[in-house]
Amino acid sequence: MSTAGRLVVIVLFDGVDLLDVTGPPEVFSLVRRETGDPAAYEVVLAAETGDPVTTAAGVRVLPDATFAEVAARRIDTLLVPGAVDIDERRRVRARTDPAVVDRVRGLAAASRRVASVCVGAHVLAAAGLLDGKRATTHWSTARQLAAEHPEIEVDADPIFVREGEVWTGAGISACLDLSLALVADDFGEATALRVARQLVMYLKRPGGQSQFSVPLDPVSPTRRVEDLRHHILRHLHTPLTVADVAAYAHVSERQLTRIFKTELGMTPGAYIESVRVERARNQLESTDATLERVVGDCGFGTTDTLVRAFRRRLGTTPTEYRRRFRAERR
């Protein structure tokens, strides 16, 4: 089915992340090629004026149209990238220019759906488009988003989150996953699969897949918690419990919970489960191990526990995850 007139408007402003701007058009252009429909998507880069916009990478991008010009058209998808500032202590802060926020608010009202890429979620939040919704953003600014907008349920883990016709994507290369998800929503999984193959990507990772591997999370500021993390990894195949970790640390379970929530932002039980899921993911992607073997190696105890953990954290089952992400043997 031809979908001529499916207009995608990407918001441009100074300091915007370059890949957030250029990644999605690559995906949408491949849809035109794979479907044979030259009008499948029309992508327009819009800015306040027609002058070149300087991105965070220093590369200048020439807008196709002004905000005023695209506001007069029927917009199918408004795509909002982001920008960050780095302070003297090398801390990352998402930028929300009031003028850009006002423009996005107005354009969103005339759009069928709205999607943010990376820290563009902060712009949507400032425009009031995420109120009462669950949303994600780049993990480095998730705490900022939650602190500034308590009305939003911020989930820093998923690659993308869909709430009706409002989508939020994680950072930065996840713009491709988000774009593939939009393609699948518009044209079906088969078309998205063909596009993913052209991009040498797996067909879109499920929205619930983690932004990064748990063992590679930002290093805790205390050696004590790092030691506990390594202890958990070394004993993951055993029936490790929170009580076991507390005994190893010579603290009460309540004190252990306070330590983990302060240092890692989650309870020790949630952390243990997330590490187990991460190890299971790796085995499902790279080995032929049976589910029973994965259960034993990762310390889940039962297959039902494994399945529940995958549904809770990734929104899919181990079998479906393997089907999508199993690396093909050559």
C-alpha atoms as a PDB file:
ATOM      1  CA  MET A   1       0.000   0.000   0.000  1.00  0.00           C
ATOM      2  CA  SER A   2       1.391   3.373  -0.969  1.00  0.00           C
ATOM      3  CA  THR A   3       1.585   5.944   1.798  1.00  0.00           C
ATOM      4  CA  ALA A   4       2.466   9.061  -0.182  1.00  0.00           C
ATOM      5  CA  GLY A   5       2.416  12.137   1.960  1.00  0.00           C
ATOM      6  CA  ARG A   6       3.893  10.478   5.074  1.00  0.00           C
ATOM      7  CA  LEU A   7       5.821  13.569   6.098  1.00  0.00           C
ATOM      8  CA  VAL A   8       8.600  13.242   8.684  1.00  0.00           C
ATOM      9  CA  VAL A   9       9.823  16.548  10.110  1.00  0.00           C
ATOM     10  CA  ILE A  10      13.138  16.529  11.977  1.00  0.00           C
ATOM     11  CA  VAL A  11      13.723  19.516  14.239  1.00  0.00           C
ATOM     12  CA  LEU A  12      17.047  21.346  13.807  1.00  0.00           C
ATOM     13  CA  PHE A  13      18.733  23.794  16.156  1.00  0.00           C
ATOM     14  CA  ASP A  14      22.299  24.792  16.980  1.00  0.00           C
ATOM     15  CA  GLY A  15      24.233  22.209  18.987  1.00  0.00           C
ATOM     16  CA  VAL A  16      21.985  19.305  18.023  1.00  0.00           C
ATOM     17  CA  ASP A  17      23.593  15.837  17.968  1.00  0.00           C
ATOM     18  CA  LEU A  18      24.501  15.026  14.375  1.00  0.00           C
ATOM     19  CA  LEU A  19      23.648  11.306  14.365  1.00  0.00           C
ATOM     20  CA  ASP A  20      20.230  12.058  15.852  1.00  0.00           C
ATOM     21  CA  VAL A  21      19.568  14.131  12.734  1.00  0.00           C
ATOM     22  CA  THR A  22      21.187  11.996  10.036  1.00  0.00           C
ATOM     23  CA  GLY A  23      20.454   8.456  11.305  1.00  0.00           C
ATOM     24  CA  PRO A  24      16.659   8.354  10.895  1.00  0.00           C
ATOM     25  CA  PRO A  25      16.658   9.666   7.285  1.00  0.00           C
ATOM     26  CA  GLU A  26      18.962   6.776   6.307  1.00  0.00           C
ATOM     27  CA  VAL A  27      16.380   4.327   7.629  1.00  0.00           C
ATOM     28  CA  PHE A  28      13.455   6.058   5.946  1.00  0.00           C
ATOM     29  CA  SER A  29      15.288   6.316   2.621  1.00  0.00           C
ATOM     30  CA  LEU A  30      15.859   2.547   2.626  1.00  0.00           C
ATOM     31  CA  VAL A  31      12.122   2.028   3.073  1.00  0.00           C
ATOM     32  CA  ARG A  32      11.576   3.806  -0.213  1.00  0.00           C
ATOM     33  CA  ARG A  33      14.077   1.494  -1.880  1.00  0.00           C
ATOM     34  CA  GLU A  34      12.824  -1.715  -0.275  1.00  0.00           C
ATOM     35  CA  THR A  35       9.126  -1.062  -0.930  1.00  0.00           C
ATOM     36  CA  GLY A  36       9.524   0.441  -4.373  1.00  0.00           C
ATOM     37  CA  ASP A  37       7.378   3.350  -3.204  1.00  0.00           C
ATOM     38  CA  PRO A  38       9.366   6.553  -3.848  1.00  0.00           C
ATOM     39  CA  ALA A  39       6.914   8.508  -1.715  1.00  0.00           C
ATOM     40  CA  ALA A  40       6.886   6.161   1.288  1.00  0.00           C
ATOM     41  CA  TYR A  41       8.423   8.883   3.431  1.00  0.00           C
ATOM     42  CA  GLU A  42       9.242  12.490   2.790  1.00  0.00           C
ATOM     43  CA  VAL A  43      11.870  13.683   5.263  1.00  0.00           C
ATOM     44  CA  VAL A  44      12.218  17.413   5.885  1.00  0.00           C
ATOM     45  CA  LEU A  45      14.813  19.042   8.128  1.00  0.00           C
ATOM     46  CA  ALA A  46      13.221  22.119   9.668  1.00  0.00           C
ATOM     47  CA  ALA A  47      14.750  25.013  11.604  1.00  0.00           C
ATOM     48  CA  GLU A  48      13.787  28.502  12.723  1.00  0.00           C
ATOM     49  CA  THR A  49      15.388  30.043   9.622  1.00  0.00           C
ATOM     50  CA  GLY A  50      16.875  28.763   6.404  1.00  0.00           C
ATOM     51  CA  ASP A  51      20.421  29.427   7.616  1.00  0.00           C
ATOM     52  CA  PRO A  52      22.843  26.500   8.164  1.00  0.00           C
ATOM     53  CA  VAL A  53      22.656  24.907  11.614  1.00  0.00           C
ATOM     54  CA  THR A  54      25.907  23.939  13.355  1.00  0.00           C
ATOM     55  CA  THR A  55      25.638  20.537  15.055  1.00  0.00           C
ATOM     56  CA  ALA A  56      27.501  19.360  18.156  1.00  0.00           C
ATOM     57  CA  ALA A  57      29.988  17.630  15.839  1.00  0.00           C
ATOM     58  CA  GLY A  58      30.819  20.947  14.188  1.00  0.00           C
ATOM     59  CA  VAL A  59      29.215  19.846  10.918  1.00  0.00           C
ATOM     60  CA  ARG A  60      26.829  22.378   9.425  1.00  0.00           C
ATOM     61  CA  VAL A  61      23.448  21.188   8.150  1.00  0.00           C
ATOM     62  CA  LEU A  62      21.238  23.128   5.757  1.00  0.00           C
ATOM     63  CA  PRO A  63      17.521  23.058   6.642  1.00  0.00           C
ATOM     64  CA  ASP A  64      15.000  22.107   3.976  1.00  0.00           C
ATOM     65  CA  ALA A  65      12.322  24.379   5.406  1.00  0.00           C
ATOM     66  CA  THR A  66      11.513  26.698   8.259  1.00  0.00           C
ATOM     67  CA  PHE A  67       9.264  25.800  11.177  1.00  0.00           C
ATOM     68  CA  ALA A  68       6.645  28.194   9.854  1.00  0.00           C
ATOM     69  CA  GLU A  69       6.639  26.462   6.478  1.00  0.00           C
ATOM     70  CA  VAL A  70       6.204  22.928   7.812  1.00  0.00           C
ATOM     71  CA  ALA A  71       3.555  24.097  10.297  1.00  0.00           C
ATOM     72  CA  ALA A  72       1.285  24.722   7.328  1.00  0.00           C
ATOM     73  CA  ARG A  73       1.577  21.097   6.199  1.00  0.00           C
ATOM     74  CA  ARG A  74       0.095  17.848   7.504  1.00  0.00           C
ATOM     75  CA  ILE A  75       2.897  16.273   9.553  1.00  0.00           C
ATOM     76  CA  ASP A  76       2.854  12.532  10.039  1.00  0.00           C
ATOM     77  CA  THR A  77       5.857  12.228  12.366  1.00  0.00           C
ATOM     78  CA  LEU A  78       7.626  14.970  14.280  1.00  0.00           C
ATOM     79  CA  LEU A  79      11.111  13.771  15.240  1.00  0.00           C
ATOM     80  CA  VAL A  80      12.873  15.743  17.973  1.00  0.00           C
ATOM     81  CA  PRO A  81      16.617  15.211  18.510  1.00  0.00           C
ATOM     82  CA  GLY A  82      18.548  16.601  21.459  1.00  0.00           C
ATOM     83  CA  ALA A  83      21.578  18.544  22.569  1.00  0.00           C
ATOM     84  CA  VAL A  84      23.690  18.567  25.706  1.00  0.00           C
ATOM     85  CA  ASP A  85      25.973  20.937  27.575  1.00  0.00           C
ATOM     86  CA  ILE A  86      29.078  19.810  29.485  1.00  0.00           C
ATOM     87  CA  ASP A  87      30.011  21.731  32.632  1.00  0.00           C
ATOM     88  CA  GLU A  88      33.461  22.288  34.108  1.00  0.00           C
ATOM     89  CA  ARG A  89      33.217  19.000  36.006  1.00  0.00           C
ATOM     90  CA  ARG A  90      32.458  17.112  32.777  1.00  0.00           C
ATOM     91  CA  ARG A  91      28.862  16.534  33.824  1.00  0.00           C
ATOM     92  CA  VAL A  92      26.302  16.156  31.041  1.00  0.00           C
ATOM     93  CA  ARG A  93      23.142  18.243  31.079  1.00  0.00           C
ATOM     94  CA  ALA A  94      20.396  18.096  28.476  1.00  0.00           C
ATOM     95  CA  ARG A  95      19.667  21.425  26.841  1.00  0.00           C
ATOM     96  CA  THR A  96      16.119  22.758  26.474  1.00  0.00           C
ATOM     97  CA  ASP A  97      16.003  26.053  24.631  1.00  0.00           C
ATOM     98  CA  PRO A  98      12.638  27.747  25.372  1.00  0.00           C
ATOM     99  CA  ALA A  99      12.245  28.857  21.750  1.00  0.00           C
ATOM    100  CA  VAL A 100      12.757  25.298  20.498  1.00  0.00           C
ATOM    101  CA  VAL A 101      10.384  23.950  23.143  1.00  0.00           C
ATOM    102  CA  ASP A 102       7.669  26.398  22.025  1.00  0.00           C
ATOM    103  CA  ARG A 103       8.127  25.407  18.391  1.00  0.00           C
ATOM    104  CA  VAL A 104       7.973  21.692  19.209  1.00  0.00           C
ATOM    105  CA  ARG A 105       4.812  22.194  21.259  1.00  0.00           C
ATOM    106  CA  GLY A 106       3.118  23.921  18.347  1.00  0.00           C
ATOM    107  CA  LEU A 107       4.285  21.446  15.707  1.00  0.00           C
ATOM    108  CA  ALA A 108       3.334  18.468  17.885  1.00  0.00           C
ATOM    109  CA  ALA A 109      -0.255  19.667  17.997  1.00  0.00           C
ATOM    110  CA  ALA A 110      -0.381  19.334  14.211  1.00  0.00           C
ATOM    111  CA  SER A 111       1.406  15.944  14.050  1.00  0.00           C
ATOM    112  CA  ARG A 112      -0.028  12.435  14.031  1.00  0.00           C
ATOM    113  CA  ARG A 113       2.788  11.172  16.242  1.00  0.00           C
ATOM    114  CA  VAL A 114       5.807  12.601  17.989  1.00  0.00           C
ATOM    115  CA  ALA A 115       9.133  10.910  18.698  1.00  0.00           C
ATOM    116  CA  SER A 116      12.240  12.039  20.519  1.00  0.00           C
ATOM    117  CA  VAL A 117      15.757  10.800  19.939  1.00  0.00           C
ATOM    118  CA  CYS A 118      18.222  10.598  22.819  1.00  0.00           C
ATOM    119  CA  VAL A 119      18.013  13.689  25.061  1.00  0.00           C
ATOM    120  CA  GLY A 120      15.330  15.124  22.808  1.00  0.00           C
ATOM    121  CA  ALA A 121      12.997  13.645  25.435  1.00  0.00           C
ATOM    122  CA  HIS A 122      13.849  16.652  27.598  1.00  0.00           C
ATOM    123  CA  VAL A 123      12.402  18.931  24.917  1.00  0.00           C
ATOM    124  CA  LEU A 124       9.203  16.881  24.772  1.00  0.00           C
ATOM    125  CA  ALA A 125       9.028  16.970  28.559  1.00  0.00           C
ATOM    126  CA  ALA A 126       9.458  20.738  28.692  1.00  0.00           C
ATOM    127  CA  ALA A 127       6.698  21.040  26.099  1.00  0.00           C
ATOM    128  CA  GLY A 128       4.355  19.056  28.342  1.00  0.00           C
ATOM    129  CA  LEU A 129       4.091  16.168  25.876  1.00  0.00           C
ATOM    130  CA  LEU A 130       5.251  13.482  28.320  1.00  0.00           C
ATOM    131  CA  ASP A 131       3.088  14.404  31.322  1.00  0.00           C
ATOM    132  CA  GLY A 132       1.718  11.263  32.963  1.00  0.00           C
ATOM    133  CA  LYS A 133       3.614   9.045  30.545  1.00  0.00           C
ATOM    134  CA  ARG A 134       6.468   6.562  30.762  1.00  0.00           C
ATOM    135  CA  ALA A 135       9.519   7.713  28.817  1.00  0.00           C
ATOM    136  CA  THR A 136      13.183   7.005  28.255  1.00  0.00           C
ATOM    137  CA  THR A 137      16.214   9.062  27.316  1.00  0.00           C
ATOM    138  CA  HIS A 138      19.972   8.664  27.223  1.00  0.00           C
ATOM    139  CA  TRP A 139      21.023   7.043  30.496  1.00  0.00           C
ATOM    140  CA  SER A 140      23.381   9.939  31.312  1.00  0.00           C
ATOM    141  CA  THR A 141      20.504  12.430  31.648  1.00  0.00           C
ATOM    142  CA  ALA A 142      17.774  10.156  33.020  1.00  0.00           C
ATOM    143  CA  ARG A 143      18.178  11.452  36.566  1.00  0.00           C
ATOM    144  CA  GLN A 144      17.944  15.027  35.321  1.00  0.00           C
ATOM    145  CA  LEU A 145      14.738  14.228  33.460  1.00  0.00           C
ATOM    146  CA  ALA A 146      13.210  12.551  36.523  1.00  0.00           C
ATOM    147  CA  ALA A 147      14.247  15.382  38.849  1.00  0.00           C
ATOM    148  CA  GLU A 148      12.946  18.154  36.604  1.00  0.00           C
ATOM    149  CA  HIS A 149       9.735  16.344  35.630  1.00  0.00           C
ATOM    150  CA  PRO A 150       8.386  14.196  38.480  1.00  0.00           C
ATOM    151  CA  GLU A 151       5.132  13.865  36.556  1.00  0.00           C
ATOM    152  CA  ILE A 152       6.938  11.571  34.090  1.00  0.00           C
ATOM    153  CA  GLU A 153       7.753   7.902  34.771  1.00  0.00           C
ATOM    154  CA  VAL A 154      11.380   7.892  33.618  1.00  0.00           C
ATOM    155  CA  ASP A 155      12.808   4.494  32.697  1.00  0.00           C
ATOM    156  CA  ALA A 156      16.501   4.754  31.808  1.00  0.00           C
ATOM    157  CA  ASP A 157      16.854   1.145  30.667  1.00  0.00           C
ATOM    158  CA  PRO A 158      14.833   0.586  27.456  1.00  0.00           C
ATOM    159  CA  ILE A 159      16.050   1.445  23.973  1.00  0.00           C
ATOM    160  CA  PHE A 160      12.699   3.050  23.223  1.00  0.00           C
ATOM    161  CA  VAL A 161       9.304   3.473  24.835  1.00  0.00           C
ATOM    162  CA  ARG A 162       5.962   3.908  23.113  1.00  0.00           C
ATOM    163  CA  GLU A 163       3.038   5.604  24.847  1.00  0.00           C
ATOM    164  CA  GLY A 164       0.248   5.828  22.303  1.00  0.00           C
ATOM    165  CA  GLU A 165       1.511   8.100  19.544  1.00  0.00           C
ATOM    166  CA  VAL A 166       4.351   9.516  21.629  1.00  0.00           C
ATOM    167  CA  TRP A 167       7.659   7.667  21.327  1.00  0.00           C
ATOM    168  CA  THR A 168      10.900   8.296  23.207  1.00  0.00           C
ATOM    169  CA  GLY A 169      14.237   6.779  22.228  1.00  0.00           C
ATOM    170  CA  ALA A 170      17.482   6.264  24.068  1.00  0.00           C
ATOM    171  CA  GLY A 171      20.828   7.603  22.962  1.00  0.00           C
ATOM    172  CA  ILE A 172      22.494   8.028  20.360  1.00  0.00           C
ATOM    173  CA  SER A 173      22.762   5.077  17.942  1.00  0.00           C
ATOM    174  CA  ALA A 174      19.388   3.909  19.279  1.00  0.00           C
ATOM    175  CA  CYS A 175      17.910   6.421  16.813  1.00  0.00           C
ATOM    176  CA  LEU A 176      18.216   3.601  14.281  1.00  0.00           C
ATOM    177  CA  ASP A 177      16.275   1.194  16.504  1.00  0.00           C
ATOM    178  CA  LEU A 178      13.589   3.804  17.080  1.00  0.00           C
ATOM    179  CA  SER A 179      13.360   4.531  13.350  1.00  0.00           C
ATOM    180  CA  LEU A 180      13.056   0.820  12.561  1.00  0.00           C
ATOM    181  CA  ALA A 181      10.291   0.550  15.138  1.00  0.00           C
ATOM    182  CA  LEU A 182       8.438   3.395  13.421  1.00  0.00           C
ATOM    183  CA  VAL A 183       8.898   1.648  10.065  1.00  0.00           C
ATOM    184  CA  ALA A 184       7.548  -1.606  11.499  1.00  0.00           C
ATOM    185  CA  ASP A 185       4.549   0.278  12.848  1.00  0.00           C
ATOM    186  CA  ASP A 186       3.901   1.851   9.441  1.00  0.00           C
ATOM    187  CA  PHE A 187       4.848  -0.913   7.004  1.00  0.00           C
ATOM    188  CA  GLY A 188       5.084  -4.104   9.059  1.00  0.00           C
ATOM    189  CA  GLU A 189       7.868  -6.248  10.460  1.00  0.00           C
ATOM    190  CA  ALA A 190       8.827  -7.737   7.082  1.00  0.00           C
ATOM    191  CA  THR A 191       9.721  -4.331   5.637  1.00  0.00           C
ATOM    192  CA  ALA A 192      11.579  -3.361   8.804  1.00  0.00           C
ATOM    193  CA  LEU A 193      13.545  -6.609   8.557  1.00  0.00           C
ATOM    194  CA  ARG A 194      14.637  -5.866   5.000  1.00  0.00           C
ATOM    195  CA  VAL A 195      15.737  -2.374   6.012  1.00  0.00           C
ATOM    196  CA  ALA A 196      17.595  -3.739   9.038  1.00  0.00           C
ATOM    197  CA  ARG A 197      19.483  -6.166   6.812  1.00  0.00           C
ATOM    198  CA  GLN A 198      20.555  -3.328   4.551  1.00  0.00           C
ATOM    199  CA  LEU A 199      21.825  -1.476   7.628  1.00  0.00           C
ATOM    200  CA  VAL A 200      23.623  -4.644   8.820  1.00  0.00           C
ATOM    201  CA  MET A 201      21.540  -4.523  12.001  1.00  0.00           C
ATOM    202  CA  TYR A 202      19.373  -7.033  13.811  1.00  0.00           C
ATOM    203  CA  LEU A 203      15.701  -6.425  13.163  1.00  0.00           C
ATOM    204  CA  LYS A 204      14.832  -3.810  15.686  1.00  0.00           C
ATOM    205  CA  ARG A 205      15.836  -4.733  19.181  1.00  0.00           C
ATOM    206  CA  PRO A 206      12.765  -4.929  21.418  1.00  0.00           C
ATOM    207  CA  GLY A 207      12.010  -1.626  23.105  1.00  0.00           C
ATOM    208  CA  GLY A 208      12.678  -3.278  26.443  1.00  0.00           C
ATOM    209  CA  GLN A 209      16.213  -4.326  25.585  1.00  0.00           C
ATOM    210  CA  SER A 210      18.721  -2.611  27.852  1.00  0.00           C
ATOM    211  CA  GLN A 211      20.678   0.417  26.636  1.00  0.00           C
ATOM    212  CA  PHE A 212      23.866  -1.123  27.938  1.00  0.00           C
ATOM    213  CA  SER A 213      25.150  -4.328  29.508  1.00  0.00           C
ATOM    214  CA  VAL A 214      24.753  -4.495  33.256  1.00  0.00           C
ATOM    215  CA  PRO A 215      28.394  -5.458  34.047  1.00  0.00           C
ATOM    216  CA  LEU A 216      29.481  -2.388  32.065  1.00  0.00           C
ATOM    217  CA  ASP A 217      27.306   0.041  33.991  1.00  0.00           C
ATOM    218  CA  PRO A 218      29.085   3.205  35.156  1.00  0.00           C
ATOM    219  CA  VAL A 219      31.567   2.229  37.837  1.00  0.00           C
ATOM    220  CA  SER A 220      30.346   2.761  41.372  1.00  0.00           C
ATOM    221  CA  PRO A 221      32.138   5.525  43.269  1.00  0.00           C
ATOM    222  CA  THR A 222      32.952   3.167  46.153  1.00  0.00           C
ATOM    223  CA  ARG A 223      35.270   0.183  46.098  1.00  0.00           C
ATOM    224  CA  ARG A 224      32.959  -1.572  48.517  1.00  0.00           C
ATOM    225  CA  VAL A 225      30.104  -1.785  46.046  1.00  0.00           C
ATOM    226  CA  GLU A 226      32.473  -2.736  43.240  1.00  0.00           C
ATOM    227  CA  ASP A 227      33.610  -5.664  45.361  1.00  0.00           C
ATOM    228  CA  LEU A 228      29.982  -6.685  45.891  1.00  0.00           C
ATOM    229  CA  ARG A 229      29.288  -6.454  42.167  1.00  0.00           C
ATOM    230  CA  HIS A 230      32.224  -8.734  41.393  1.00  0.00           C
ATOM    231  CA  HIS A 231      31.103 -11.126  44.136  1.00  0.00           C
ATOM    232  CA  ILE A 232      27.687 -11.345  42.500  1.00  0.00           C
ATOM    233  CA  LEU A 233      29.228 -12.030  39.091  1.00  0.00           C
ATOM    234  CA  ARG A 234      31.466 -14.771  40.501  1.00  0.00           C
ATOM    235  CA  HIS A 235      28.556 -16.533  42.206  1.00  0.00           C
ATOM    236  CA  LEU A 236      25.804 -15.872  39.686  1.00  0.00           C
ATOM    237  CA  HIS A 237      25.426 -19.579  38.864  1.00  0.00           C
ATOM    238  CA  THR A 238      24.593 -20.368  42.490  1.00  0.00           C
ATOM    239  CA  PRO A 239      21.254 -19.766  44.261  1.00  0.00           C
ATOM    240  CA  LEU A 240      22.591 -16.357  45.332  1.00  0.00           C
ATOM    241  CA  THR A 241      20.178 -14.340  47.456  1.00  0.00           C
ATOM    242  CA  VAL A 242      20.172 -10.841  48.929  1.00  0.00           C
ATOM    243  CA  ALA A 243      20.790 -12.427  52.312  1.00  0.00           C
ATOM    244  CA  ASP A 244      23.909 -14.141  50.937  1.00  0.00           C
ATOM    245  CA  VAL A 245      25.286 -10.844  49.621  1.00  0.00           C
ATOM    246  CA  ALA A 246      24.482  -9.082  52.893  1.00  0.00           C
ATOM    247  CA  ALA A 247      26.321 -11.798  54.835  1.00  0.00           C
ATOM    248  CA  TYR A 248      29.336 -11.436  52.531  1.00  0.00           C
ATOM    249  CA  ALA A 249      29.307  -7.665  53.130  1.00  0.00           C
ATOM    250  CA  HIS A 250      28.810  -8.091  56.900  1.00  0.00           C
ATOM    251  CA  VAL A 251      25.772  -5.804  56.901  1.00  0.00           C
ATOM    252  CA  SER A 252      22.041  -6.267  57.377  1.00  0.00           C
ATOM    253  CA  GLU A 253      19.780  -6.711  54.368  1.00  0.00           C
ATOM    254  CA  ARG A 254      18.242  -3.313  55.090  1.00  0.00           C
ATOM    255  CA  GLN A 255      21.663  -1.666  55.124  1.00  0.00           C
ATOM    256  CA  LEU A 256      22.625  -3.490  51.920  1.00  0.00           C
ATOM    257  CA  THR A 257      19.490  -2.173  50.242  1.00  0.00           C
ATOM    258  CA  ARG A 258      20.348   1.389  51.275  1.00  0.00           C
ATOM    259  CA  ILE A 259      23.878   0.978  49.882  1.00  0.00           C
ATOM    260  CA  PHE A 260      22.688  -0.368  46.520  1.00  0.00           C
ATOM    261  CA  LYS A 261      19.951   2.217  46.093  1.00  0.00           C
ATOM    262  CA  THR A 262      22.376   5.020  46.892  1.00  0.00           C
ATOM    263  CA  GLU A 263      25.249   3.777  44.733  1.00  0.00           C
ATOM    264  CA  LEU A 264      23.474   1.981  41.863  1.00  0.00           C
ATOM    265  CA  GLY A 265      19.930   3.340  41.979  1.00  0.00           C
ATOM    266  CA  MET A 266      18.291  -0.064  42.481  1.00  0.00           C
ATOM    267  CA  THR A 267      17.755  -2.707  45.128  1.00  0.00           C
ATOM    268  CA  PRO A 268      20.249  -5.594  45.422  1.00  0.00           C
ATOM    269  CA  GLY A 269      17.530  -8.019  44.339  1.00  0.00           C
ATOM    270  CA  ALA A 270      16.838  -6.016  41.188  1.00  0.00           C
ATOM    271  CA  TYR A 271      20.552  -5.798  40.464  1.00  0.00           C
ATOM    272  CA  ILE A 272      21.075  -9.555  40.829  1.00  0.00           C
ATOM    273  CA  GLU A 273      18.158 -10.230  38.500  1.00  0.00           C
ATOM    274  CA  SER A 274      19.405  -7.717  35.927  1.00  0.00           C
ATOM    275  CA  VAL A 275      22.860  -9.332  35.875  1.00  0.00           C
ATOM    276  CA  ARG A 276      21.292 -12.777  35.496  1.00  0.00           C
ATOM    277  CA  VAL A 277      19.173 -11.553  32.591  1.00  0.00           C
ATOM    278  CA  GLU A 278      22.257 -10.010  30.972  1.00  0.00           C
ATOM    279  CA  ARG A 279      24.195 -13.254  31.172  1.00  0.00           C
ATOM    280  CA  ALA A 280      21.202 -15.185  29.838  1.00  0.00           C
ATOM    281  CA  ARG A 281      20.901 -12.745  26.936  1.00  0.00           C
ATOM    282  CA  ASN A 282      24.520 -13.335  26.008  1.00  0.00           C
ATOM    283  CA  GLN A 283      24.099 -17.104  26.093  1.00  0.00           C
ATOM    284  CA  LEU A 284      20.927 -17.003  24.022  1.00  0.00           C
ATOM    285  CA  GLU A 285      22.622 -14.801  21.415  1.00  0.00           C
ATOM    286  CA  SER A 286      25.916 -16.686  21.139  1.00  0.00           C
ATOM    287  CA  THR A 287      25.380 -20.344  22.129  1.00  0.00           C
ATOM    288  CA  ASP A 288      23.085 -23.292  21.450  1.00  0.00           C
ATOM    289  CA  ALA A 289      22.548 -23.902  25.164  1.00  0.00           C
ATOM    290  CA  THR A 290      19.099 -25.172  26.101  1.00  0.00           C
ATOM    291  CA  LEU A 291      16.882 -23.040  28.302  1.00  0.00           C
ATOM    292  CA  GLU A 292      17.505 -25.507  31.125  1.00  0.00           C
ATOM    293  CA  ARG A 293      21.263 -24.981  30.749  1.00  0.00           C
ATOM    294  CA  VAL A 294      20.821 -21.213  30.698  1.00  0.00           C
ATOM    295  CA  VAL A 295      18.708 -21.437  33.833  1.00  0.00           C
ATOM    296  CA  GLY A 296      21.465 -23.361  35.617  1.00  0.00           C
ATOM    297  CA  ASP A 297      24.358 -21.203  34.410  1.00  0.00           C
ATOM    298  CA  CYS A 298      22.592 -17.976  35.369  1.00  0.00           C
ATOM    299  CA  GLY A 299      21.165 -19.092  38.701  1.00  0.00           C
ATOM    300  CA  PHE A 300      17.471 -18.637  37.890  1.00  0.00           C
ATOM    301  CA  GLY A 301      16.442 -21.874  39.562  1.00  0.00           C
ATOM    302  CA  THR A 302      13.555 -22.661  37.227  1.00  0.00           C
ATOM    303  CA  THR A 303      12.595 -21.977  33.626  1.00  0.00           C
ATOM    304  CA  ASP A 304       9.488 -20.140  34.834  1.00  0.00           C
ATOM    305  CA  THR A 305      11.678 -17.736  36.808  1.00  0.00           C
ATOM    306  CA  LEU A 306      13.779 -17.092  33.698  1.00  0.00           C
ATOM    307  CA  VAL A 307      10.707 -16.420  31.577  1.00  0.00           C
ATOM    308  CA  ARG A 308       9.193 -14.049  34.154  1.00  0.00           C
ATOM    309  CA  ALA A 309      12.467 -12.112  34.441  1.00  0.00           C
ATOM    310  CA  PHE A 310      12.687 -11.710  30.646  1.00  0.00           C
ATOM    311  CA  ARG A 311       9.081 -10.557  30.413  1.00  0.00           C
ATOM    312  CA  ARG A 312       9.595  -8.092  33.242  1.00  0.00           C
ATOM    313  CA  ARG A 313      12.864  -6.606  31.967  1.00  0.00           C
ATOM    314  CA  LEU A 314      12.778  -7.066  28.188  1.00  0.00           C
ATOM    315  CA  GLY A 315       9.101  -7.421  27.388  1.00  0.00           C
ATOM    316  CA  THR A 316       9.686 -10.699  25.569  1.00  0.00           C
ATOM    317  CA  THR A 317      10.382 -14.382  26.234  1.00  0.00           C
ATOM    318  CA  PRO A 318      13.799 -16.116  26.095  1.00  0.00           C
ATOM    319  CA  THR A 319      12.671 -18.130  23.068  1.00  0.00           C
ATOM    320  CA  GLU A 320      11.525 -15.043  21.169  1.00  0.00           C
ATOM    321  CA  TYR A 321      14.684 -13.177  22.158  1.00  0.00           C
ATOM    322  CA  ARG A 322      16.869 -15.978  20.770  1.00  0.00           C
ATOM    323  CA  ARG A 323      14.848 -16.107  17.566  1.00  0.00           C
ATOM    324  CA  ARG A 324      15.444 -12.403  16.947  1.00  0.00           C
ATOM    325  CA  PHE A 325      19.011 -11.996  18.100  1.00  0.00           C
ATOM    326  CA  ARG A 326      20.753 -15.323  17.628  1.00  0.00           C
ATOM    327  CA  ALA A 327      24.012 -14.619  15.810  1.00  0.00           C
ATOM    328  CA  GLU A 328      24.136 -16.688  12.665  1.00  0.00           C
ATOM    329  CA  ARG A 329      26.989 -19.180  12.496  1.00  0.00           C
ATOM    330  CA  ARG A 330      29.055 -19.084   9.328  1.00  0.00           C
END
